[in-house]
Amino acid sequence: TYELINTYISEKTYQTLGEKSVGTESNTFNVYAETPDEAEEKAKSQC
């Protein structure tokens, strides 16, 4: 699961004015591993 974040950059000054979370999304991966922890780390890397 990952968070979508919008970053707002001023058109005039090109400075970052702020960020806002706009929701979450998920992807599912099939991973071959020896343990669930190893599988989670491999999936994070793949994502």
ModelCIF file with pLDDT and N, C-alpha, C, O atoms, coordinates in Angstrom:
data_MODEL
#
_entry.id   MODEL 
#
_entity.id                         1 
_entity.type                       polymer 
_entity.pdbx_number_of_molecules   1 
#
_entity_poly.entity_id                      1 
_entity_poly.type                           'polypeptide(L)' 
_entity_poly.nstd_linkage                   no 
_entity_poly.nstd_monomer                   no 
_entity_poly.pdbx_seq_one_letter_code       TYELINTYISEKTYQTLGEKSVGTESNTFNVYAETPDEAEEKAKSQC 
_entity_poly.pdbx_seq_one_letter_code_can   TYELINTYISEKTYQTLGEKSVGTESNTFNVYAETPDEAEEKAKSQC 
_entity_poly.pdbx_strand_id                 A 
#
loop_
_entity_poly_seq.entity_id 
_entity_poly_seq.num 
_entity_poly_seq.mon_id 
_entity_poly_seq.hetero 
1 1  THR n 
1 2  TYR n 
1 3  GLU n 
1 4  LEU n 
1 5  ILE n 
1 6  ASN n 
1 7  THR n 
1 8  TYR n 
1 9  ILE n 
1 10 SER n 
1 11 GLU n 
1 12 LYS n 
1 13 THR n 
1 14 TYR n 
1 15 GLN n 
1 16 THR n 
1 17 LEU n 
1 18 GLY n 
1 19 GLU n 
1 20 LYS n 
1 21 SER n 
1 22 VAL n 
1 23 GLY n 
1 24 THR n 
1 25 GLU n 
1 26 SER n 
1 27 ASN n 
1 28 THR n 
1 29 PHE n 
1 30 ASN n 
1 31 VAL n 
1 32 TYR n 
1 33 ALA n 
1 34 GLU n 
1 35 THR n 
1 36 PRO n 
1 37 ASP n 
1 38 GLU n 
1 39 ALA n 
1 40 GLU n 
1 41 GLU n 
1 42 LYS n 
1 43 ALA n 
1 44 LYS n 
1 45 SER n 
1 46 GLN n 
1 47 CYS n 
#
_struct_asym.id          A 
_struct_asym.entity_id   1 
#
loop_
_ma_qa_metric.id 
_ma_qa_metric.mode 
_ma_qa_metric.name 
_ma_qa_metric.software_group_id 
_ma_qa_metric.type 
1 global pLDDT . pLDDT 
2 local  pLDDT . pLDDT 
#
_ma_qa_metric_global.metric_id      1 
_ma_qa_metric_global.metric_value   93.09 
_ma_qa_metric_global.model_id       1 
_ma_qa_metric_global.ordinal_id     1 
#
loop_
_ma_qa_metric_local.label_asym_id 
_ma_qa_metric_local.label_comp_id 
_ma_qa_metric_local.label_seq_id 
_ma_qa_metric_local.metric_id 
_ma_qa_metric_local.metric_value 
_ma_qa_metric_local.model_id 
_ma_qa_metric_local.ordinal_id 
A THR 1  2 93.00 1 1  
A TYR 2  2 91.00 1 2  
A GLU 3  2 93.00 1 3  
A LEU 4  2 93.00 1 4  
A ILE 5  2 94.00 1 5  
A ASN 6  2 95.00 1 6  
A THR 7  2 96.00 1 7  
A TYR 8  2 97.00 1 8  
A ILE 9  2 97.00 1 9  
A SER 10 2 96.00 1 10 
A GLU 11 2 94.00 1 11 
A LYS 12 2 94.00 1 12 
A THR 13 2 94.00 1 13 
A TYR 14 2 93.00 1 14 
A GLN 15 2 95.00 1 15 
A THR 16 2 95.00 1 16 
A LEU 17 2 96.00 1 17 
A GLY 18 2 96.00 1 18 
A GLU 19 2 96.00 1 19 
A LYS 20 2 96.00 1 20 
A SER 21 2 96.00 1 21 
A VAL 22 2 95.00 1 22 
A GLY 23 2 96.00 1 23 
A THR 24 2 95.00 1 24 
A GLU 25 2 92.00 1 25 
A SER 26 2 92.00 1 26 
A ASN 27 2 89.00 1 27 
A THR 28 2 92.00 1 28 
A PHE 29 2 91.00 1 29 
A ASN 30 2 93.00 1 30 
A VAL 31 2 93.00 1 31 
A TYR 32 2 95.00 1 32 
A ALA 33 2 94.00 1 33 
A GLU 34 2 95.00 1 34 
A THR 35 2 94.00 1 35 
A PRO 36 2 93.00 1 36 
A ASP 37 2 94.00 1 37 
A GLU 38 2 94.00 1 38 
A ALA 39 2 93.00 1 39 
A GLU 40 2 91.00 1 40 
A GLU 41 2 92.00 1 41 
A LYS 42 2 91.00 1 42 
A ALA 43 2 90.00 1 43 
A LYS 44 2 88.00 1 44 
A SER 45 2 87.00 1 45 
A GLN 46 2 84.00 1 46 
A CYS 47 2 82.00 1 47 
#
loop_
_atom_site.group_PDB 
_atom_site.id 
_atom_site.type_symbol 
_atom_site.label_atom_id 
_atom_site.label_alt_id 
_atom_site.label_comp_id 
_atom_site.label_asym_id 
_atom_site.label_entity_id 
_atom_site.label_seq_id 
_atom_site.pdbx_PDB_ins_code 
_atom_site.Cartn_x 
_atom_site.Cartn_y 
_atom_site.Cartn_z 
_atom_site.occupancy 
_atom_site.B_iso_or_equiv 
_atom_site.pdbx_formal_charge 
_atom_site.auth_seq_id 
_atom_site.auth_comp_id 
_atom_site.auth_asym_id 
_atom_site.auth_atom_id 
_atom_site.pdbx_PDB_model_num 
ATOM 1   N N  . THR A 1 1  ? 0.852  -1.187  0.000   1.00 93.00 ? 1  THR A N  1 
ATOM 2   C CA . THR A 1 1  ? 0.000  0.000   0.000   1.00 93.00 ? 1  THR A CA 1 
ATOM 3   C C  . THR A 1 1  ? 0.886  1.235   0.000   1.00 93.00 ? 1  THR A C  1 
ATOM 4   O O  . THR A 1 1  ? 1.861  1.315   0.748   1.00 93.00 ? 1  THR A O  1 
ATOM 5   N N  . TYR A 1 2  ? 0.536  2.195   -0.848  1.00 91.00 ? 2  TYR A N  1 
ATOM 6   C CA . TYR A 1 2  ? 1.323  3.426   -0.920  1.00 91.00 ? 2  TYR A CA 1 
ATOM 7   C C  . TYR A 1 2  ? 0.401  4.638   -0.936  1.00 91.00 ? 2  TYR A C  1 
ATOM 8   O O  . TYR A 1 2  ? -0.754 4.565   -1.354  1.00 91.00 ? 2  TYR A O  1 
ATOM 9   N N  . GLU A 1 3  ? 0.946  5.748   -0.469  1.00 93.00 ? 3  GLU A N  1 
ATOM 10  C CA . GLU A 1 3  ? 0.218  7.018   -0.378  1.00 93.00 ? 3  GLU A CA 1 
ATOM 11  C C  . GLU A 1 3  ? 0.524  7.878   -1.599  1.00 93.00 ? 3  GLU A C  1 
ATOM 12  O O  . GLU A 1 3  ? 1.670  7.968   -2.038  1.00 93.00 ? 3  GLU A O  1 
ATOM 13  N N  . LEU A 1 4  ? -0.511 8.505   -2.136  1.00 93.00 ? 4  LEU A N  1 
ATOM 14  C CA . LEU A 1 4  ? -0.341 9.463   -3.236  1.00 93.00 ? 4  LEU A CA 1 
ATOM 15  C C  . LEU A 1 4  ? -0.229 10.860  -2.635  1.00 93.00 ? 4  LEU A C  1 
ATOM 16  O O  . LEU A 1 4  ? -1.076 11.279  -1.846  1.00 93.00 ? 4  LEU A O  1 
ATOM 17  N N  . ILE A 1 5  ? 0.818  11.568  -3.017  1.00 94.00 ? 5  ILE A N  1 
ATOM 18  C CA . ILE A 1 5  ? 1.081  12.896  -2.447  1.00 94.00 ? 5  ILE A CA 1 
ATOM 19  C C  . ILE A 1 5  ? 1.216  13.911  -3.573  1.00 94.00 ? 5  ILE A C  1 
ATOM 20  O O  . ILE A 1 5  ? 2.033  13.744  -4.479  1.00 94.00 ? 5  ILE A O  1 
ATOM 21  N N  . ASN A 1 6  ? 0.412  14.960  -3.508  1.00 95.00 ? 6  ASN A N  1 
ATOM 22  C CA . ASN A 1 6  ? 0.524  16.063  -4.464  1.00 95.00 ? 6  ASN A CA 1 
ATOM 23  C C  . ASN A 1 6  ? 1.413  17.146  -3.872  1.00 95.00 ? 6  ASN A C  1 
ATOM 24  O O  . ASN A 1 6  ? 1.236  17.547  -2.721  1.00 95.00 ? 6  ASN A O  1 
ATOM 25  N N  . THR A 1 7  ? 2.373  17.617  -4.669  1.00 96.00 ? 7  THR A N  1 
ATOM 26  C CA . THR A 1 7  ? 3.263  18.703  -4.273  1.00 96.00 ? 7  THR A CA 1 
ATOM 27  C C  . THR A 1 7  ? 2.916  19.922  -5.116  1.00 96.00 ? 7  THR A C  1 
ATOM 28  O O  . THR A 1 7  ? 2.806  19.835  -6.339  1.00 96.00 ? 7  THR A O  1 
ATOM 29  N N  . TYR A 1 8  ? 2.745  21.056  -4.450  1.00 97.00 ? 8  TYR A N  1 
ATOM 30  C CA . TYR A 1 8  ? 2.330  22.293  -5.115  1.00 97.00 ? 8  TYR A CA 1 
ATOM 31  C C  . TYR A 1 8  ? 3.527  23.233  -5.234  1.00 97.00 ? 8  TYR A C  1 
ATOM 32  O O  . TYR A 1 8  ? 4.111  23.649  -4.233  1.00 97.00 ? 8  TYR A O  1 
ATOM 33  N N  . ILE A 1 9  ? 3.884  23.562  -6.485  1.00 97.00 ? 9  ILE A N  1 
ATOM 34  C CA . ILE A 1 9  ? 5.038  24.424  -6.756  1.00 97.00 ? 9  ILE A CA 1 
ATOM 35  C C  . ILE A 1 9  ? 4.544  25.692  -7.430  1.00 97.00 ? 9  ILE A C  1 
ATOM 36  O O  . ILE A 1 9  ? 3.848  25.647  -8.444  1.00 97.00 ? 9  ILE A O  1 
ATOM 37  N N  . SER A 1 10 ? 4.915  26.819  -6.849  1.00 96.00 ? 10 SER A N  1 
ATOM 38  C CA . SER A 1 10 ? 4.477  28.117  -7.351  1.00 96.00 ? 10 SER A CA 1 
ATOM 39  C C  . SER A 1 10 ? 4.904  28.313  -8.797  1.00 96.00 ? 10 SER A C  1 
ATOM 40  O O  . SER A 1 10 ? 6.045  28.046  -9.174  1.00 96.00 ? 10 SER A O  1 
ATOM 41  N N  . GLU A 1 11 ? 3.947  28.791  -9.602  1.00 94.00 ? 11 GLU A N  1 
ATOM 42  C CA . GLU A 1 11 ? 4.243  29.072  -11.007 1.00 94.00 ? 11 GLU A CA 1 
ATOM 43  C C  . GLU A 1 11 ? 5.149  30.303  -11.149 1.00 94.00 ? 11 GLU A C  1 
ATOM 44  O O  . GLU A 1 11 ? 5.897  30.428  -12.118 1.00 94.00 ? 11 GLU A O  1 
ATOM 45  N N  . LYS A 1 12 ? 5.067  31.207  -10.166 1.00 94.00 ? 12 LYS A N  1 
ATOM 46  C CA . LYS A 1 12 ? 5.860  32.450  -10.228 1.00 94.00 ? 12 LYS A CA 1 
ATOM 47  C C  . LYS A 1 12 ? 7.265  32.286  -9.656  1.00 94.00 ? 12 LYS A C  1 
ATOM 48  O O  . LYS A 1 12 ? 8.245  32.688  -10.283 1.00 94.00 ? 12 LYS A O  1 
ATOM 49  N N  . THR A 1 13 ? 7.363  31.690  -8.459  1.00 94.00 ? 13 THR A N  1 
ATOM 50  C CA . THR A 1 13 ? 8.653  31.638  -7.766  1.00 94.00 ? 13 THR A CA 1 
ATOM 51  C C  . THR A 1 13 ? 9.343  30.277  -7.847  1.00 94.00 ? 13 THR A C  1 
ATOM 52  O O  . THR A 1 13 ? 10.508 30.148  -7.469  1.00 94.00 ? 13 THR A O  1 
ATOM 53  N N  . TYR A 1 14 ? 8.633  29.265  -8.337  1.00 93.00 ? 14 TYR A N  1 
ATOM 54  C CA . TYR A 1 14 ? 9.147  27.896  -8.439  1.00 93.00 ? 14 TYR A CA 1 
ATOM 55  C C  . TYR A 1 14 ? 9.507  27.290  -7.080  1.00 93.00 ? 14 TYR A C  1 
ATOM 56  O O  . TYR A 1 14 ? 10.285 26.339  -7.004  1.00 93.00 ? 14 TYR A O  1 
ATOM 57  N N  . GLN A 1 15 ? 8.936  27.847  -6.012  1.00 95.00 ? 15 GLN A N  1 
ATOM 58  C CA . GLN A 1 15 ? 9.152  27.304  -4.679  1.00 95.00 ? 15 GLN A CA 1 
ATOM 59  C C  . GLN A 1 15 ? 8.017  26.358  -4.318  1.00 95.00 ? 15 GLN A C  1 
ATOM 60  O O  . GLN A 1 15 ? 6.882  26.534  -4.761  1.00 95.00 ? 15 GLN A O  1 
ATOM 61  N N  . THR A 1 16 ? 8.332  25.361  -3.516  1.00 95.00 ? 16 THR A N  1 
ATOM 62  C CA . THR A 1 16 ? 7.307  24.433  -3.038  1.00 95.00 ? 16 THR A CA 1 
ATOM 63  C C  . THR A 1 16 ? 6.464  25.135  -1.987  1.00 95.00 ? 16 THR A C  1 
ATOM 64  O O  . THR A 1 16 ? 6.983  25.604  -0.974  1.00 95.00 ? 16 THR A O  1 
ATOM 65  N N  . LEU A 1 17 ? 5.154  25.205  -2.236  1.00 96.00 ? 17 LEU A N  1 
ATOM 66  C CA . LEU A 1 17 ? 4.255  25.862  -1.297  1.00 96.00 ? 17 LEU A CA 1 
ATOM 67  C C  . LEU A 1 17 ? 3.637  24.885  -0.307  1.00 96.00 ? 17 LEU A C  1 
ATOM 68  O O  . LEU A 1 17 ? 3.219  25.280  0.781   1.00 96.00 ? 17 LEU A O  1 
ATOM 69  N N  . GLY A 1 18 ? 3.580  23.618  -0.679  1.00 96.00 ? 18 GLY A N  1 
ATOM 70  C CA . GLY A 1 18 ? 3.025  22.632  0.243   1.00 96.00 ? 18 GLY A CA 1 
ATOM 71  C C  . GLY A 1 18 ? 2.795  21.293  -0.418  1.00 96.00 ? 18 GLY A C  1 
ATOM 72  O O  . GLY A 1 18 ? 2.982  21.119  -1.622  1.00 96.00 ? 18 GLY A O  1 
ATOM 73  N N  . GLU A 1 19 ? 2.377  20.347  0.422   1.00 96.00 ? 19 GLU A N  1 
ATOM 74  C CA . GLU A 1 19 ? 2.052  18.996  -0.044  1.00 96.00 ? 19 GLU A CA 1 
ATOM 75  C C  . GLU A 1 19 ? 0.723  18.589  0.561   1.00 96.00 ? 19 GLU A C  1 
ATOM 76  O O  . GLU A 1 19 ? 0.325  19.073  1.621   1.00 96.00 ? 19 GLU A O  1 
ATOM 77  N N  . LYS A 1 20 ? 0.037  17.678  -0.144  1.00 96.00 ? 20 LYS A N  1 
ATOM 78  C CA . LYS A 1 20 ? -1.243 17.195  0.351   1.00 96.00 ? 20 LYS A CA 1 
ATOM 79  C C  . LYS A 1 20 ? -1.400 15.724  -0.040  1.00 96.00 ? 20 LYS A C  1 
ATOM 80  O O  . LYS A 1 20 ? -1.168 15.339  -1.186  1.00 96.00 ? 20 LYS A O  1 
ATOM 81  N N  . SER A 1 21 ? -1.801 14.916  0.945   1.00 96.00 ? 21 SER A N  1 
ATOM 82  C CA . SER A 1 21 ? -2.099 13.511  0.657   1.00 96.00 ? 21 SER A CA 1 
ATOM 83  C C  . SER A 1 21 ? -3.439 13.452  -0.067  1.00 96.00 ? 21 SER A C  1 
ATOM 84  O O  . SER A 1 21 ? -4.410 14.080  0.355   1.00 96.00 ? 21 SER A O  1 
ATOM 85  N N  . VAL A 1 22 ? -3.485 12.690  -1.163  1.00 95.00 ? 22 VAL A N  1 
ATOM 86  C CA . VAL A 1 22 ? -4.723 12.596  -1.942  1.00 95.00 ? 22 VAL A CA 1 
ATOM 87  C C  . VAL A 1 22 ? -5.258 11.168  -1.988  1.00 95.00 ? 22 VAL A C  1 
ATOM 88  O O  . VAL A 1 22 ? -6.063 10.837  -2.858  1.00 95.00 ? 22 VAL A O  1 
ATOM 89  N N  . GLY A 1 23 ? -4.817 10.320  -1.056  1.00 96.00 ? 23 GLY A N  1 
ATOM 90  C CA . GLY A 1 23 ? -5.350 8.968   -0.977  1.00 96.00 ? 23 GLY A CA 1 
ATOM 91  C C  . GLY A 1 23 ? -4.271 7.907   -1.001  1.00 96.00 ? 23 GLY A C  1 
ATOM 92  O O  . GLY A 1 23 ? -3.075 8.199   -0.986  1.00 96.00 ? 23 GLY A O  1 
ATOM 93  N N  . THR A 1 24 ? -4.733 6.660   -1.039  1.00 95.00 ? 24 THR A N  1 
ATOM 94  C CA . THR A 1 24 ? -3.822 5.524   -1.085  1.00 95.00 ? 24 THR A CA 1 
ATOM 95  C C  . THR A 1 24 ? -4.244 4.577   -2.202  1.00 95.00 ? 24 THR A C  1 
ATOM 96  O O  . THR A 1 24 ? -5.392 4.585   -2.646  1.00 95.00 ? 24 THR A O  1 
ATOM 97  N N  . GLU A 1 25 ? -3.294 3.765   -2.644  1.00 92.00 ? 25 GLU A N  1 
ATOM 98  C CA . GLU A 1 25 ? -3.541 2.714   -3.629  1.00 92.00 ? 25 GLU A CA 1 
ATOM 99  C C  . GLU A 1 25 ? -2.740 1.494   -3.204  1.00 92.00 ? 25 GLU A C  1 
ATOM 100 O O  . GLU A 1 25 ? -1.828 1.593   -2.383  1.00 92.00 ? 25 GLU A O  1 
ATOM 101 N N  . SER A 1 26 ? -3.087 0.345   -3.770  1.00 92.00 ? 26 SER A N  1 
ATOM 102 C CA . SER A 1 26 ? -2.381 -0.900  -3.451  1.00 92.00 ? 26 SER A CA 1 
ATOM 103 C C  . SER A 1 26 ? -2.065 -1.666  -4.720  1.00 92.00 ? 26 SER A C  1 
ATOM 104 O O  . SER A 1 26 ? -2.801 -1.604  -5.705  1.00 92.00 ? 26 SER A O  1 
ATOM 105 N N  . ASN A 1 27 ? -0.958 -2.389  -4.678  1.00 89.00 ? 27 ASN A N  1 
ATOM 106 C CA . ASN A 1 27 ? -0.572 -3.340  -5.728  1.00 89.00 ? 27 ASN A CA 1 
ATOM 107 C C  . ASN A 1 27 ? -0.242 -4.662  -5.050  1.00 89.00 ? 27 ASN A C  1 
ATOM 108 O O  . ASN A 1 27 ? 0.263  -4.683  -3.927  1.00 89.00 ? 27 ASN A O  1 
ATOM 109 N N  . THR A 1 28 ? -0.527 -5.761  -5.733  1.00 92.00 ? 28 THR A N  1 
ATOM 110 C CA . THR A 1 28 ? -0.219 -7.079  -5.201  1.00 92.00 ? 28 THR A CA 1 
ATOM 111 C C  . THR A 1 28 ? 0.865  -7.730  -6.053  1.00 92.00 ? 28 THR A C  1 
ATOM 112 O O  . THR A 1 28 ? 0.818  -7.694  -7.283  1.00 92.00 ? 28 THR A O  1 
ATOM 113 N N  . PHE A 1 29 ? 1.844  -8.326  -5.370  1.00 91.00 ? 29 PHE A N  1 
ATOM 114 C CA . PHE A 1 29 ? 2.963  -8.978  -6.033  1.00 91.00 ? 29 PHE A CA 1 
ATOM 115 C C  . PHE A 1 29 ? 3.059  -10.424 -5.560  1.00 91.00 ? 29 PHE A C  1 
ATOM 116 O O  . PHE A 1 29 ? 2.781  -10.721 -4.399  1.00 91.00 ? 29 PHE A O  1 
ATOM 117 N N  . ASN A 1 30 ? 3.446  -11.309 -6.447  1.00 93.00 ? 30 ASN A N  1 
ATOM 118 C CA . ASN A 1 30 ? 3.782  -12.687 -6.078  1.00 93.00 ? 30 ASN A CA 1 
ATOM 119 C C  . ASN A 1 30 ? 5.288  -12.752 -5.951  1.00 93.00 ? 30 ASN A C  1 
ATOM 120 O O  . ASN A 1 30 ? 6.019  -12.453 -6.895  1.00 93.00 ? 30 ASN A O  1 
ATOM 121 N N  . VAL A 1 31 ? 5.749  -13.151 -4.762  1.00 93.00 ? 31 VAL A N  1 
ATOM 122 C CA . VAL A 1 31 ? 7.176  -13.125 -4.460  1.00 93.00 ? 31 VAL A CA 1 
ATOM 123 C C  . VAL A 1 31 ? 7.599  -14.485 -3.914  1.00 93.00 ? 31 VAL A C  1 
ATOM 124 O O  . VAL A 1 31 ? 6.907  -15.071 -3.081  1.00 93.00 ? 31 VAL A O  1 
ATOM 125 N N  . TYR A 1 32 ? 8.732  -14.978 -4.384  1.00 95.00 ? 32 TYR A N  1 
ATOM 126 C CA . TYR A 1 32 ? 9.314  -16.218 -3.855  1.00 95.00 ? 32 TYR A CA 1 
ATOM 127 C C  . TYR A 1 32 ? 10.319 -15.841 -2.777  1.00 95.00 ? 32 TYR A C  1 
ATOM 128 O O  . TYR A 1 32 ? 11.260 -15.090 -3.035  1.00 95.00 ? 32 TYR A O  1 
ATOM 129 N N  . ALA A 1 33 ? 10.119 -16.363 -1.564  1.00 94.00 ? 33 ALA A N  1 
ATOM 130 C CA . ALA A 1 33 ? 11.014 -16.038 -0.446  1.00 94.00 ? 33 ALA A CA 1 
ATOM 131 C C  . ALA A 1 33 ? 10.964 -17.153 0.588   1.00 94.00 ? 33 ALA A C  1 
ATOM 132 O O  . ALA A 1 33 ? 10.098 -18.027 0.540   1.00 94.00 ? 33 ALA A O  1 
ATOM 133 N N  . GLU A 1 34 ? 11.904 -17.108 1.521   1.00 95.00 ? 34 GLU A N  1 
ATOM 134 C CA . GLU A 1 34 ? 11.952 -18.109 2.587   1.00 95.00 ? 34 GLU A CA 1 
ATOM 135 C C  . GLU A 1 34 ? 11.052 -17.752 3.758   1.00 95.00 ? 34 GLU A C  1 
ATOM 136 O O  . GLU A 1 34 ? 10.535 -18.645 4.429   1.00 95.00 ? 34 GLU A O  1 
ATOM 137 N N  . THR A 1 35 ? 10.853 -16.457 4.018   1.00 94.00 ? 35 THR A N  1 
ATOM 138 C CA . THR A 1 35 ? 10.028 -16.019 5.145   1.00 94.00 ? 35 THR A CA 1 
ATOM 139 C C  . THR A 1 35 ? 9.078  -14.915 4.694   1.00 94.00 ? 35 THR A C  1 
ATOM 140 O O  . THR A 1 35 ? 9.324  -14.273 3.673   1.00 94.00 ? 35 THR A O  1 
ATOM 141 N N  . PRO A 1 36 ? 8.003  -14.685 5.434   1.00 93.00 ? 36 PRO A N  1 
ATOM 142 C CA . PRO A 1 36 ? 7.103  -13.574 5.105   1.00 93.00 ? 36 PRO A CA 1 
ATOM 143 C C  . PRO A 1 36 ? 7.809  -12.207 5.147   1.00 93.00 ? 36 PRO A C  1 
ATOM 144 O O  . PRO A 1 36 ? 7.527  -11.339 4.320   1.00 93.00 ? 36 PRO A O  1 
ATOM 145 N N  . ASP A 1 37 ? 8.723  -12.018 6.108   1.00 94.00 ? 37 ASP A N  1 
ATOM 146 C CA . ASP A 1 37 ? 9.458  -10.751 6.192   1.00 94.00 ? 37 ASP A CA 1 
ATOM 147 C C  . ASP A 1 37 ? 10.307 -10.512 4.950   1.00 94.00 ? 37 ASP A C  1 
ATOM 148 O O  . ASP A 1 37 ? 10.352 -9.402  4.419   1.00 94.00 ? 37 ASP A O  1 
ATOM 149 N N  . GLU A 1 38 ? 10.974 -11.561 4.497   1.00 94.00 ? 38 GLU A N  1 
ATOM 150 C CA . GLU A 1 38 ? 11.785 -11.439 3.280   1.00 94.00 ? 38 GLU A CA 1 
ATOM 151 C C  . GLU A 1 38 ? 10.900 -11.137 2.077   1.00 94.00 ? 38 GLU A C  1 
ATOM 152 O O  . GLU A 1 38 ? 11.273 -10.345 1.211   1.00 94.00 ? 38 GLU A O  1 
ATOM 153 N N  . ALA A 1 39 ? 9.734  -11.766 2.022   1.00 93.00 ? 39 ALA A N  1 
ATOM 154 C CA . ALA A 1 39 ? 8.792  -11.523 0.923   1.00 93.00 ? 39 ALA A CA 1 
ATOM 155 C C  . ALA A 1 39 ? 8.325  -10.066 0.918   1.00 93.00 ? 39 ALA A C  1 
ATOM 156 O O  . ALA A 1 39 ? 8.221  -9.447  -0.141  1.00 93.00 ? 39 ALA A O  1 
ATOM 157 N N  . GLU A 1 40 ? 8.049  -9.528  2.094   1.00 91.00 ? 40 GLU A N  1 
ATOM 158 C CA . GLU A 1 40 ? 7.613  -8.129  2.192   1.00 91.00 ? 40 GLU A CA 1 
ATOM 159 C C  . GLU A 1 40 ? 8.702  -7.177  1.722   1.00 91.00 ? 40 GLU A C  1 
ATOM 160 O O  . GLU A 1 40 ? 8.416  -6.214  1.012   1.00 91.00 ? 40 GLU A O  1 
ATOM 161 N N  . GLU A 1 41 ? 9.938  -7.433  2.107   1.00 92.00 ? 41 GLU A N  1 
ATOM 162 C CA . GLU A 1 41 ? 11.048 -6.574  1.671   1.00 92.00 ? 41 GLU A CA 1 
ATOM 163 C C  . GLU A 1 41 ? 11.245 -6.650  0.159   1.00 92.00 ? 41 GLU A C  1 
ATOM 164 O O  . GLU A 1 41 ? 11.483 -5.633  -0.492  1.00 92.00 ? 41 GLU A O  1 
ATOM 165 N N  . LYS A 1 42 ? 11.147 -7.854  -0.394  1.00 91.00 ? 42 LYS A N  1 
ATOM 166 C CA . LYS A 1 42 ? 11.292 -8.002  -1.847  1.00 91.00 ? 42 LYS A CA 1 
ATOM 167 C C  . LYS A 1 42 ? 10.163 -7.284  -2.584  1.00 91.00 ? 42 LYS A C  1 
ATOM 168 O O  . LYS A 1 42 ? 10.397 -6.658  -3.618  1.00 91.00 ? 42 LYS A O  1 
ATOM 169 N N  . ALA A 1 43 ? 8.943  -7.371  -2.057  1.00 90.00 ? 43 ALA A N  1 
ATOM 170 C CA . ALA A 1 43 ? 7.804  -6.704  -2.696  1.00 90.00 ? 43 ALA A CA 1 
ATOM 171 C C  . ALA A 1 43 ? 7.951  -5.188  -2.624  1.00 90.00 ? 43 ALA A C  1 
ATOM 172 O O  . ALA A 1 43 ? 7.633  -4.495  -3.591  1.00 90.00 ? 43 ALA A O  1 
ATOM 173 N N  . LYS A 1 44 ? 8.427  -4.660  -1.500  1.00 88.00 ? 44 LYS A N  1 
ATOM 174 C CA . LYS A 1 44 ? 8.669  -3.214  -1.388  1.00 88.00 ? 44 LYS A CA 1 
ATOM 175 C C  . LYS A 1 44 ? 9.691  -2.771  -2.429  1.00 88.00 ? 44 LYS A C  1 
ATOM 176 O O  . LYS A 1 44 ? 9.523  -1.738  -3.078  1.00 88.00 ? 44 LYS A O  1 
ATOM 177 N N  . SER A 1 45 ? 10.744 -3.555  -2.579  1.00 87.00 ? 45 SER A N  1 
ATOM 178 C CA . SER A 1 45 ? 11.778 -3.233  -3.556  1.00 87.00 ? 45 SER A CA 1 
ATOM 179 C C  . SER A 1 45 ? 11.206 -3.250  -4.968  1.00 87.00 ? 45 SER A C  1 
ATOM 180 O O  . SER A 1 45 ? 11.494 -2.366  -5.775  1.00 87.00 ? 45 SER A O  1 
ATOM 181 N N  . GLN A 1 46 ? 10.399 -4.258  -5.259  1.00 84.00 ? 46 GLN A N  1 
ATOM 182 C CA . GLN A 1 46 ? 9.782  -4.350  -6.585  1.00 84.00 ? 46 GLN A CA 1 
ATOM 183 C C  . GLN A 1 46 ? 8.813  -3.191  -6.810  1.00 84.00 ? 46 GLN A C  1 
ATOM 184 O O  . GLN A 1 46 ? 8.770  -2.621  -7.900  1.00 84.00 ? 46 GLN A O  1 
ATOM 185 N N  . CYS A 1 47 ? 8.040  -2.843  -5.788  1.00 82.00 ? 47 CYS A N  1 
ATOM 186 C CA . CYS A 1 47 ? 7.087  -1.735  -5.907  1.00 82.00 ? 47 CYS A CA 1 
ATOM 187 C C  . CYS A 1 47 ? 7.824  -0.407  -6.077  1.00 82.00 ? 47 CYS A C  1 
ATOM 188 O O  . CYS A 1 47 ? 7.189  0.641   -6.193  1.00 82.00 ? 47 CYS A O  1 
#
